[in-house]
Protein backbone atom coordinates (compact mmCIF):
# COMPACT_ATOMS: atom_id res chain seq x y z
CA MET A 1 21.38 18.15 24.33
CA SER A 2 18.65 15.97 22.42
CA SER A 3 14.93 16.90 22.60
CA LEU A 4 12.61 14.24 23.31
CA LEU A 5 9.38 15.07 20.96
CA ARG A 6 6.59 15.27 23.65
CA ILE A 7 3.46 13.98 22.38
CA VAL A 8 0.49 16.30 22.75
CA PRO A 9 -1.84 14.64 25.08
CA ALA A 10 -4.74 13.28 23.01
CA LEU A 11 -7.66 10.78 23.30
CA LEU A 12 -5.48 7.68 23.79
CA LEU A 13 -7.23 3.92 24.29
CA ALA A 14 -7.24 2.57 27.40
CA THR A 15 -5.59 -0.79 27.38
CA SER A 16 -6.47 -3.53 29.85
CA ALA A 17 -3.50 -5.81 28.90
CA PRO A 18 -0.83 -6.09 31.47
CA ALA A 19 2.31 -3.96 31.39
CA ALA A 20 4.21 -7.32 30.74
CA ALA A 21 2.16 -7.45 27.28
CA GLN A 22 3.27 -4.27 26.03
CA LEU A 23 6.31 -3.26 23.80
CA ARG A 24 7.88 0.06 24.58
CA TYR A 25 10.19 1.44 22.17
CA THR A 26 12.45 4.63 21.82
CA VAL A 27 14.01 5.74 18.46
CA ASP A 28 16.76 8.12 18.81
CA ILE A 29 17.45 9.92 15.50
CA ASP A 30 19.12 12.76 17.44
CA ASP A 31 22.24 12.70 15.11
CA PRO A 32 20.74 12.10 11.79
CA ALA A 33 23.80 12.83 10.13
CA THR A 34 24.73 9.16 10.75
CA HIS A 35 21.76 7.86 8.96
CA ARG A 36 21.05 5.38 11.49
CA ALA A 37 18.64 4.99 14.53
CA THR A 38 19.54 3.63 17.86
CA ILE A 39 16.55 1.57 19.06
CA THR A 40 15.86 0.52 22.78
CA LEU A 41 12.87 -1.61 23.47
CA ARG A 42 11.62 -1.98 27.15
CA VAL A 43 9.49 -4.89 28.37
CA ASP A 44 8.74 -5.76 31.83
CA SER A 45 9.20 -9.39 31.10
CA LEU A 46 9.51 -12.05 28.48
CA ALA A 47 7.89 -15.61 28.56
CA ALA A 48 10.22 -18.23 27.98
CA ARG A 49 8.75 -18.94 24.61
CA ASP A 50 9.50 -15.52 23.35
CA SER A 51 13.24 -16.50 23.00
CA THR A 52 13.60 -15.32 19.41
CA PHE A 53 13.85 -11.50 18.57
CA GLN A 54 12.36 -11.32 14.86
CA PHE A 55 13.02 -8.81 12.17
CA ALA A 56 10.97 -8.62 9.27
CA ALA A 57 11.62 -10.66 6.11
CA THR A 58 9.13 -8.81 4.23
CA ALA A 59 6.07 -6.29 4.75
CA PRO A 60 2.50 -6.39 3.79
CA GLY A 61 1.77 -4.68 0.23
CA THR A 62 5.49 -4.78 -1.01
CA TYR A 63 5.56 -8.27 -2.52
CA GLN A 64 9.49 -8.29 -2.30
CA THR A 65 12.04 -9.80 0.01
CA MET A 66 13.52 -7.23 2.64
CA ASN A 67 15.54 -8.98 5.12
CA ILE A 68 15.61 -6.04 7.34
CA GLY A 69 18.45 -8.01 9.74
CA ARG A 70 20.78 -6.94 7.23
CA PHE A 71 20.76 -3.32 8.36
CA VAL A 72 20.92 -4.21 12.27
CA ARG A 73 24.14 -3.73 14.06
CA ASP A 74 25.35 -4.30 17.73
CA LEU A 75 22.29 -5.83 19.21
CA ARG A 76 22.29 -6.43 23.00
CA ALA A 77 20.06 -7.40 25.77
CA THR A 78 20.34 -6.55 29.58
CA ASP A 79 18.30 -7.36 32.82
CA ALA A 80 16.71 -5.36 35.12
CA ARG A 81 19.95 -4.58 36.69
CA GLY A 82 21.51 -3.68 33.32
CA ARG A 83 23.69 -6.81 33.44
CA PRO A 84 23.92 -8.66 29.87
CA VAL A 85 21.83 -11.22 28.89
CA ALA A 86 23.47 -13.55 26.13
CA VAL A 87 22.17 -13.23 22.91
CA ARG A 88 23.30 -14.67 19.60
CA LYS A 89 22.40 -14.15 15.90
CA GLN A 90 20.27 -17.31 14.54
CA SER A 91 19.73 -16.37 11.19
CA GLU A 92 19.72 -13.31 8.92
CA ASN A 93 16.66 -11.78 10.76
CA ALA A 94 16.39 -13.45 13.86
CA TRP A 95 18.48 -13.27 17.38
CA VAL A 96 18.01 -15.63 20.19
CA PHE A 97 18.18 -14.76 23.72
CA GLY A 98 19.94 -17.17 26.32
CA ASP A 99 17.54 -16.72 28.81
CA PRO A 100 14.39 -14.38 27.86
CA ARG A 101 12.68 -14.18 31.46
CA ARG A 102 15.66 -11.94 32.51
CA VAL A 103 15.36 -9.74 29.56
CA ARG A 104 14.03 -6.29 30.11
CA THR A 105 16.01 -3.83 27.52
CA VAL A 106 16.86 -4.70 24.04
CA THR A 107 19.07 -2.15 22.19
CA TYR A 108 20.73 -2.10 18.81
CA GLN A 109 21.38 0.27 15.87
CA VAL A 110 19.60 0.06 12.36
CA LEU A 111 21.07 1.64 9.34
CA ASP A 112 18.66 3.46 7.20
CA THR A 113 17.88 1.75 3.77
CA TRP A 114 18.16 4.95 1.75
CA ASN A 115 21.58 5.35 2.21
CA THR A 116 23.00 1.72 3.07
CA PRO A 117 23.59 0.00 -0.34
CA VAL A 118 23.06 -3.52 -0.51
CA THR A 119 24.00 -6.25 -3.34
CA GLU A 120 20.37 -7.99 -3.53
CA PHE A 121 17.00 -7.19 -2.86
CA PRO A 122 17.13 -3.37 -2.73
CA ILE A 123 14.16 -1.83 -0.46
CA TYR A 124 11.80 0.36 -2.12
CA PRO A 125 12.56 3.85 -0.80
CA MET A 126 8.94 4.15 0.20
CA ALA A 127 9.05 0.89 2.15
CA GLY A 128 12.13 1.62 3.92
CA THR A 129 13.66 4.43 5.85
CA ALA A 130 15.75 7.56 5.21
CA ILE A 131 17.26 9.54 7.82
CA GLU A 132 18.64 12.90 6.85
CA ALA A 133 20.04 16.04 8.29
CA ASP A 134 16.82 17.76 8.19
CA HIS A 135 13.97 15.10 8.14
CA ALA A 136 13.36 11.35 8.19
CA LEU A 137 10.80 8.65 6.60
CA LEU A 138 10.24 5.74 8.90
CA ASN A 139 8.57 2.50 8.48
CA ALA A 140 8.19 0.49 11.59
CA HIS A 141 9.36 -2.94 9.92
CA ALA A 142 12.52 -1.20 8.92
CA MET A 143 13.37 -0.51 12.24
CA LEU A 144 11.76 -2.54 15.12
CA GLY A 145 12.30 -5.97 15.67
CA PHE A 146 9.88 -7.90 18.34
CA PRO A 147 9.98 -10.91 20.11
CA ARG A 148 8.11 -13.32 17.96
CA GLY A 149 5.40 -14.45 20.28
CA MET A 150 4.29 -10.80 20.86
CA GLN A 151 3.53 -9.77 17.46
CA ALA A 152 -0.31 -8.98 18.62
CA GLN A 153 0.86 -6.86 21.81
CA PRO A 154 0.28 -3.17 21.95
CA VAL A 155 3.13 -1.05 20.67
CA PHE A 156 4.12 2.41 21.77
CA ILE A 157 6.63 4.31 19.89
CA ARG A 158 8.70 7.51 21.30
CA PHE A 159 11.19 9.63 19.41
CA GLU A 160 14.39 11.55 20.11
CA ALA A 161 15.17 13.80 17.46
CA PRO A 162 16.77 17.38 16.80
CA PRO A 163 15.09 20.32 18.19
CA GLY A 164 12.28 21.82 16.24
CA TRP A 165 11.19 18.61 14.59
CA THR A 166 7.57 17.61 14.09
CA VAL A 167 6.06 14.25 13.49
CA GLU A 168 3.28 13.58 11.07
CA THR A 169 1.28 9.82 11.25
CA PRO A 170 -1.87 8.08 11.27
CA LEU A 171 -1.26 6.86 14.63
CA VAL A 172 -2.93 8.41 17.85
CA ALA A 173 -0.56 10.26 20.36
CA GLY A 174 -0.61 9.88 23.94
CA PRO A 175 2.01 10.81 26.90
CA ASP A 176 3.49 7.27 26.49
CA GLY A 177 4.05 7.98 22.72
CA TYR A 178 2.32 6.84 19.74
CA ARG A 179 0.10 3.94 20.19
CA ALA A 180 -0.47 0.91 17.79
CA ASN A 181 -2.63 -2.02 18.65
CA SER A 182 -0.23 -4.46 17.63
CA TYR A 183 3.36 -4.88 15.79
CA ASP A 184 1.18 -5.12 12.52
CA HIS A 185 -0.87 -1.84 13.25
CA ALA A 186 2.70 -0.26 13.94
CA VAL A 187 3.75 -1.27 10.41
CA ASP A 188 0.70 -0.11 8.94
CA SER A 189 1.40 3.44 10.25
CA PRO A 190 4.36 5.27 8.76
CA PHE A 191 6.06 8.31 10.14
CA LEU A 192 7.23 11.64 8.48
CA LEU A 193 9.58 13.79 10.69
CA GLY A 194 11.42 17.03 9.80
CA ALA A 195 11.97 20.52 10.56
CA ARG A 196 10.57 22.10 7.42
CA LEU A 197 7.63 19.85 6.76
CA THR A 198 4.37 21.49 5.16
CA THR A 199 0.98 20.53 6.07
CA SER A 200 -2.42 20.89 4.61
CA THR A 201 -6.26 19.69 5.11
CA LEU A 202 -9.17 18.80 3.25
CA THR A 203 -12.39 17.07 3.62
CA VAL A 204 -13.27 14.35 1.27
CA GLY A 205 -16.99 13.13 1.76
CA GLY A 206 -17.10 14.07 5.56
CA VAL A 207 -13.54 12.61 6.01
CA PRO A 208 -10.84 14.61 7.08
CA VAL A 209 -7.81 14.31 4.95
CA ARG A 210 -4.22 15.59 5.86
CA ILE A 211 -1.26 16.04 3.85
CA ALA A 212 2.28 16.59 5.10
CA ALA A 213 5.28 16.92 2.62
CA HIS A 214 9.01 17.57 2.73
CA SER A 215 10.85 18.95 0.00
CA PRO A 216 14.57 19.91 0.29
CA SER A 217 14.11 22.47 -2.23
CA GLN A 218 11.07 23.60 -0.84
CA GLY A 219 9.76 23.31 -4.41
CA ILE A 220 6.53 21.32 -3.64
CA THR A 221 4.18 22.22 -0.62
CA ALA A 222 1.42 20.27 0.73
CA SER A 223 -0.78 23.12 -0.11
CA GLU A 224 0.06 23.01 -3.71
CA LEU A 225 -0.70 19.12 -3.61
CA ARG A 226 -3.99 19.72 -1.70
CA ASP A 227 -5.05 21.58 -4.64
CA ALA A 228 -4.07 19.23 -7.28
CA MET A 229 -5.51 16.56 -5.56
CA GLN A 230 -8.72 17.74 -4.30
CA GLY A 231 -10.68 16.92 -7.45
CA THR A 232 -9.49 13.23 -7.60
CA LEU A 233 -10.18 12.71 -4.08
CA THR A 234 -13.59 14.03 -4.50
CA ALA A 235 -14.14 11.99 -7.23
CA ALA A 236 -13.12 9.10 -5.32
CA GLY A 237 -15.66 9.80 -2.72
CA THR A 238 -18.13 10.01 -5.18
CA PHE A 239 -17.13 6.43 -6.87
CA LEU A 240 -17.21 4.64 -3.64
CA GLY A 241 -20.32 6.52 -2.29
CA ARG A 242 -18.99 6.49 1.12
CA LEU A 243 -15.29 6.38 2.34
CA PRO A 244 -14.71 3.11 4.80
CA VAL A 245 -12.26 5.02 7.00
CA ASP A 246 -12.83 8.26 9.32
CA ARG A 247 -9.49 9.71 8.61
CA TYR A 248 -6.33 9.75 6.03
CA VAL A 249 -2.89 11.00 5.77
CA PHE A 250 -0.91 11.46 2.83
CA LEU A 251 3.00 11.67 3.51
CA PHE A 252 5.26 12.84 0.79
CA ARG A 253 8.96 12.82 0.84
CA PHE A 254 10.69 14.59 -2.17
CA ALA A 255 14.30 13.71 -2.85
CA PRO A 256 16.94 13.96 -5.24
CA GLN A 257 16.53 11.04 -7.81
CA ARG A 258 19.30 8.58 -7.97
CA GLN A 259 20.45 6.93 -11.24
CA GLY A 260 18.72 3.37 -11.24
CA GLN A 261 16.61 3.80 -7.85
CA ALA A 262 13.05 3.56 -8.48
CA MET A 263 10.64 5.91 -6.49
CA GLY A 264 6.85 5.21 -6.00
CA ALA A 265 4.47 5.09 -3.25
CA TRP A 266 3.00 2.65 -0.82
CA GLU A 267 -0.36 1.95 0.60
CA HIS A 268 -1.61 1.80 4.35
CA SER A 269 -5.02 1.39 5.82
CA TYR A 270 -5.35 5.18 6.98
CA SER A 271 -2.53 6.77 5.20
CA SER A 272 -0.28 6.37 2.12
CA GLU A 273 3.56 7.48 2.05
CA TYR A 274 5.41 8.66 -1.32
CA VAL A 275 9.16 9.00 -2.33
CA LEU A 276 8.99 11.17 -5.58
CA PRO A 277 11.74 13.29 -7.26
CA ASP A 278 12.21 16.72 -5.67
CA VAL A 279 11.69 19.22 -8.56
CA ALA A 280 9.56 22.53 -8.72
CA TYR A 281 5.96 22.45 -8.69
CA SER A 282 3.98 22.54 -12.18
CA ALA A 283 0.78 21.36 -13.16
CA ARG A 284 2.19 18.48 -14.91
CA VAL A 285 3.77 17.60 -11.39
CA GLY A 286 0.59 17.82 -9.72
CA GLU A 287 -1.04 15.63 -12.21
CA GLN A 288 1.58 13.00 -11.93
CA VAL A 289 1.19 12.86 -8.05
CA THR A 290 -2.62 13.00 -8.13
CA ASP A 291 -2.55 9.96 -10.50
CA ILE A 292 -0.38 7.94 -8.15
CA ALA A 293 -2.29 9.26 -5.22
CA ALA A 294 -5.39 8.13 -6.75
CA HIS A 295 -4.31 4.44 -7.05
CA GLU A 296 -3.10 4.58 -3.15
CA PHE A 297 -6.07 6.19 -1.83
CA PHE A 298 -8.40 3.36 -3.59
CA HIS A 299 -6.27 0.79 -1.35
CA ILE A 300 -8.64 1.72 1.54
CA VAL A 301 -11.04 -0.57 -0.14
CA THR A 302 -8.79 -3.31 -1.01
CA PRO A 303 -6.81 -4.83 0.82
CA LEU A 304 -8.13 -2.73 3.92
CA ASN A 305 -11.51 -4.03 3.58
CA ILE A 306 -11.07 -6.99 1.28
CA HIS A 307 -8.35 -9.22 1.80
CA SER A 308 -7.40 -12.98 2.30
CA GLU A 309 -6.54 -14.77 5.57
CA ILE A 310 -2.73 -14.60 4.43
CA VAL A 311 -2.86 -10.82 4.54
CA GLU A 312 -4.86 -10.57 7.43
CA HIS A 313 -2.40 -12.76 9.53
CA PHE A 314 0.92 -11.57 8.11
CA ASN A 315 3.89 -13.42 8.79
CA PHE A 316 6.97 -11.26 8.86
CA GLN A 317 9.25 -14.22 9.22
CA THR A 318 8.50 -16.08 6.13
CA PRO A 319 7.14 -14.35 2.93
CA VAL A 320 3.90 -16.23 2.17
CA PRO A 321 2.34 -14.99 -1.22
CA SER A 322 -1.24 -14.47 -1.82
CA ALA A 323 -2.58 -15.39 -5.41
CA HIS A 324 -4.86 -12.28 -5.42
CA VAL A 325 -2.52 -9.57 -6.27
CA TRP A 326 -4.53 -8.96 -9.16
CA LEU A 327 -7.29 -7.83 -6.77
CA TYR A 328 -5.38 -5.86 -4.36
CA GLU A 329 -3.24 -3.84 -6.93
CA GLY A 330 -4.81 -4.70 -10.54
CA VAL A 331 -8.18 -3.79 -9.50
CA THR A 332 -7.06 -0.83 -7.49
CA GLU A 333 -5.00 0.52 -10.55
CA TRP A 334 -8.20 0.23 -12.60
CA ALA A 335 -10.21 2.04 -10.05
CA SER A 336 -7.86 4.85 -9.79
CA GLU A 337 -8.66 5.71 -13.58
CA LYS A 338 -12.02 4.57 -13.90
CA MET A 339 -13.08 7.04 -10.92
CA GLN A 340 -11.61 9.74 -12.59
CA LEU A 341 -13.42 8.97 -15.90
CA ASP A 342 -16.82 8.70 -13.90
CA GLY A 343 -16.08 12.04 -12.24
CA GLY A 344 -15.28 13.96 -15.50
CA LEU A 345 -11.51 14.32 -14.66
CA LEU A 346 -10.48 11.97 -17.50
CA SER A 347 -12.00 12.16 -21.02
CA LEU A 348 -13.25 8.92 -22.53
CA GLU A 349 -10.26 9.38 -25.26
CA GLU A 350 -7.70 9.73 -22.31
CA TYR A 351 -9.28 6.80 -20.41
CA LEU A 352 -9.42 4.49 -23.40
CA GLY A 353 -5.88 5.79 -24.23
CA ASN A 354 -4.36 4.62 -21.06
CA VAL A 355 -5.95 1.11 -21.40
CA VAL A 356 -4.12 0.92 -24.77
CA GLY A 357 -0.88 2.04 -23.27
CA LYS A 358 -1.08 -0.74 -20.75
CA MET A 359 -1.67 -3.19 -23.35
CA ARG A 360 1.20 -2.29 -25.27
CA THR A 361 3.51 -2.11 -22.13
CA ASP A 362 2.17 -5.63 -21.17
CA ARG A 363 3.11 -7.01 -25.03
CA THR A 364 6.45 -4.98 -25.07
CA ARG A 365 7.94 -5.36 -21.52
CA TYR A 366 7.00 -8.09 -19.60
CA ASP A 367 6.37 -12.05 -20.55
CA THR A 368 2.87 -12.42 -21.81
CA THR A 369 3.15 -16.21 -20.82
CA PHE A 370 3.31 -15.23 -17.08
CA SER A 371 -0.08 -15.52 -15.45
CA LEU A 372 -1.28 -12.97 -12.92
CA LYS A 373 -1.71 -15.69 -10.67
CA GLN A 374 1.94 -16.90 -11.23
CA LEU A 375 3.19 -13.60 -10.96
CA ALA A 376 1.56 -13.26 -7.68
CA LEU A 377 2.65 -16.65 -6.07
CA THR A 378 6.52 -16.06 -7.29
CA SER A 379 6.69 -12.06 -6.17
CA PHE A 380 9.33 -12.92 -3.72
CA THR A 381 11.60 -14.64 -6.18
CA ALA A 382 13.77 -12.81 -8.54
CA ALA A 383 11.89 -14.15 -11.43
CA GLY A 384 8.73 -12.93 -9.99
CA ALA A 385 10.18 -9.43 -9.19
CA ARG A 386 10.96 -8.91 -12.86
CA GLN A 387 7.38 -9.68 -13.82
CA TYR A 388 5.93 -7.67 -10.87
CA GLY A 389 5.20 -4.34 -12.53
CA ASN A 390 3.17 -5.94 -15.08
CA ILE A 391 0.19 -6.18 -12.20
CA TYR A 392 -0.14 -2.38 -12.78
CA GLN A 393 -0.57 -3.21 -16.80
CA ARG A 394 -1.94 -6.30 -17.53
CA GLY A 395 -3.55 -6.41 -14.16
CA ALA A 396 -5.64 -3.31 -14.66
CA VAL A 397 -6.37 -4.19 -18.26
CA VAL A 398 -8.11 -7.41 -16.73
CA ALA A 399 -9.80 -5.76 -14.26
CA GLY A 400 -11.49 -3.56 -16.99
CA LEU A 401 -12.26 -6.48 -18.89
CA LEU A 402 -14.04 -8.06 -15.69
CA ASP A 403 -16.07 -4.96 -14.99
CA ILE A 404 -17.61 -5.14 -18.61
CA ARG A 405 -18.32 -8.67 -18.33
CA LEU A 406 -19.95 -8.43 -14.73
CA LEU A 407 -22.04 -5.68 -16.43
CA GLN A 408 -23.23 -7.76 -19.51
CA LEU A 409 -24.13 -10.58 -17.34
CA SER A 410 -26.20 -8.45 -15.05
CA ASN A 411 -27.46 -6.16 -18.02
CA GLY A 412 -25.92 -3.12 -16.83
CA ARG A 413 -26.83 -3.28 -13.21
CA HIS A 414 -23.72 -4.47 -11.12
CA GLY A 415 -20.29 -3.83 -12.14
CA LEU A 416 -16.71 -4.38 -10.76
CA ARG A 417 -17.29 -1.27 -8.71
CA ASP A 418 -20.53 -2.53 -7.22
CA LEU A 419 -18.88 -5.98 -6.39
CA MET A 420 -15.97 -4.24 -4.51
CA LEU A 421 -18.57 -2.09 -2.37
CA ASP A 422 -20.71 -5.47 -1.79
CA LEU A 423 -17.56 -7.47 -0.66
CA SER A 424 -16.20 -4.58 1.49
CA ALA A 425 -19.41 -4.46 3.21
CA ALA A 426 -19.54 -8.24 3.65
CA TYR A 427 -15.94 -8.46 4.92
CA GLY A 428 -14.19 -5.45 6.23
CA PRO A 429 -10.86 -4.69 7.97
CA ARG A 430 -11.30 -7.39 10.43
CA ARG A 431 -12.92 -10.52 8.56
CA PRO A 432 -10.58 -11.80 5.76
CA PHE A 433 -11.96 -14.28 3.19
CA PRO A 434 -10.36 -17.74 2.61
CA GLU A 435 -7.72 -17.44 0.37
CA ASP A 436 -8.66 -20.42 -1.74
CA SER A 437 -12.46 -19.31 -1.78
CA LEU A 438 -12.29 -15.84 -3.59
CA TYR A 439 -13.81 -17.11 -7.02
CA ALA A 440 -16.57 -19.06 -5.34
CA ILE A 441 -17.56 -16.24 -3.36
CA ILE A 442 -17.44 -13.82 -6.36
CA ALA A 443 -19.48 -16.37 -8.68
CA ALA A 444 -22.05 -16.88 -5.76
CA ARG A 445 -22.55 -12.87 -5.76
CA THR A 446 -22.50 -12.32 -9.53
CA SER A 447 -22.64 -15.54 -11.96
CA PRO A 448 -20.90 -18.72 -12.18
CA GLU A 449 -19.80 -17.81 -15.74
CA VAL A 450 -17.02 -15.53 -13.97
CA LEU A 451 -15.32 -18.80 -13.06
CA ASP A 452 -14.19 -19.29 -16.67
CA PHE A 453 -12.93 -15.56 -16.83
CA PHE A 454 -10.93 -15.90 -13.74
CA ALA A 455 -9.29 -19.42 -15.07
CA ARG A 456 -8.44 -18.27 -18.60
CA TYR A 457 -7.22 -14.73 -17.69
CA ILE A 458 -5.80 -14.78 -14.11
CA ASP A 459 -4.97 -18.28 -13.31
CA ARG A 460 -3.65 -18.84 -16.99
CA ALA A 461 -2.40 -16.35 -19.32
CA GLU A 462 -4.45 -16.55 -22.55
CA ARG A 463 -4.62 -13.64 -24.59
CA LEU A 464 -6.84 -10.88 -23.41
CA PRO A 465 -10.17 -10.88 -25.36
CA VAL A 466 -9.98 -7.10 -25.45
CA ARG A 467 -11.51 -6.54 -28.84
CA GLU A 468 -14.53 -8.89 -28.16
CA THR A 469 -15.22 -7.33 -24.70
CA TYR A 470 -14.74 -3.56 -25.58
CA ALA A 471 -17.42 -4.53 -28.70
CA LEU A 472 -19.74 -4.96 -26.18
CA LEU A 473 -19.85 -1.30 -25.46
CA GLY A 474 -19.55 -0.43 -29.31
CA ILE A 475 -15.94 0.37 -28.78
CA ASP A 476 -13.46 -0.92 -31.53
CA LEU A 477 -9.99 -1.81 -31.22
CA VAL A 478 -7.66 -0.63 -33.73
CA GLU A 479 -4.28 -2.85 -34.38
CA ASP A 480 -1.21 -2.36 -36.36
CA GLU A 481 -0.29 -5.01 -39.08
CA ARG A 482 1.75 -6.72 -36.40
CA GLY A 483 -1.29 -6.88 -34.04
CA MET A 484 0.15 -4.44 -31.81
CA PRO A 485 -3.01 -2.29 -30.36
CA GLN A 486 -2.93 1.30 -31.33
CA ARG A 487 -6.33 2.71 -30.37
CA LEU A 488 -9.55 2.11 -28.63
CA VAL A 489 -12.22 4.11 -30.66
CA PRO A 490 -15.88 4.55 -29.76
CA ASN A 491 -18.13 3.59 -32.68
CA PRO A 492 -20.47 6.52 -33.67
CA ASN A 493 -23.32 4.22 -34.64
CA PRO A 494 -23.58 1.79 -31.71
CA THR A 495 -26.48 -0.59 -31.68
CA PRO A 496 -29.09 0.13 -29.05
CA GLU A 497 -27.85 -2.76 -27.16
CA GLN A 498 -24.22 -1.50 -27.18
CA LEU A 499 -25.29 1.96 -26.02
CA ARG A 500 -27.19 0.75 -22.90
CA LEU A 501 -24.38 -1.30 -21.91
CA ARG A 502 -21.96 1.78 -22.72
CA GLU A 503 -23.97 4.11 -20.67
CA ALA A 504 -24.16 1.47 -17.87
CA TRP A 505 -20.63 1.12 -18.09
CA LEU A 506 -19.83 5.21 -18.02
CA ARG A 507 -21.75 5.33 -14.55
CA SER A 508 -19.88 2.10 -13.38
CA GLY A 509 -23.31 0.30 -13.31
CA SER A 510 -24.83 2.34 -10.50
CA GLY A 511 -27.77 4.61 -10.22
CA ALA A 512 -31.58 4.21 -10.26
CA SER A 513 -31.48 4.65 -14.23
CA ALA A 514 -30.20 1.24 -14.93
CA PRO A 515 -31.62 -0.48 -18.36
CA PRO A 516 -34.42 -2.72 -17.05
CA ARG A 517 -34.03 -6.80 -17.26
């Protein structure tokens, strides 16, 4: 007999929306050895305009084409008496109901993306689904279709799973299932289920942080991850001053690594999820996980609190790129390391070594004529996908240069960290900035001179002014005879002006002791 995972009663936001406006899903993974889920959607009614049943072509923060409809099998619709309602497949990701007003139940099977080979557009493992004998990592967009006109309606998700399985997710639990305010909210809230999950908690700046992990070998536990991550998360809280969330969940799935298959992490508003190699825990493993987690955790600032209207009103049907991936990913990667430098977790030598490493990777693995803007706008294409990894290399280097430039323009008072906090306060989770106005917004808050920086190093792909910019801090770039960067080395005898700016940079421009104008 299958056991329905009954939800412990908890505070559940009351909804004033009529029952007809709710999407109630049951996700049946009671036979996980099949690597598939049976999905049942129940609605009280559908409007005539809701004739199209949509699956995701992509998802926020993935910057890749997914086409989840490829994994769907045997989709059917029935009316209130269980009689079939005509349905036909319209496109790779869309099915059309013959008479949507009769539809009360939609059922289908969906294959997991981890165990289902595809010939093109492979799904990032952390952004897909994995259904295994003793656990599952589930993302709503990779399982749940929705009537196209009901993307903004409340979603309830119940699970049928093997006995003894528990569920970890940032969503709130209630008697009707896990509640999301909308389909977008459901996609923003992953699930880790299993019989042998380890969990642990800690507090960062007064915010409860929960860690859940599944390791088939039981070689890595949540408690070990908590101990490894605590210093970095504390540094993040100090760097930001105040965390813009009231809770956070880390979900880790450790899995056997397959040849040619990438692993990684995916950020969400109140959580992040990780698919990483299942190995025995060591201090080195802890450091590697912490580096990745630092990046994902900083996403609570961008894009959660700073994002354009394209991200706010996400189009699951047709991928629409934003030009500002440099902000969402490049600045986040920079911040994940800068906050460790500020918190004493990275030495200055280590931090500068990471900058040089990113410069070298930019030069040797990617097309340096591909601008960050071009990378963003083509990220859903094959050409853009080949260059996308450079957002964590060149994108982070550019963010570091912008930080120094902002400090120079403000006489050490206002760097990139301060700009991110200002923008976060001005906008936030529910107020996006206009896609085409970001540069002007930043210039108004800092200096018109940054417009030239954006034009040259983000919109175009001019050679980055690393030597000139770090020289402002009294830090010298050492190159080999081919012009390949080798080291960034602090000059032991900086000028007074260089020293003042270096000191401001080392505290990210914040604090009452900033130098006078």
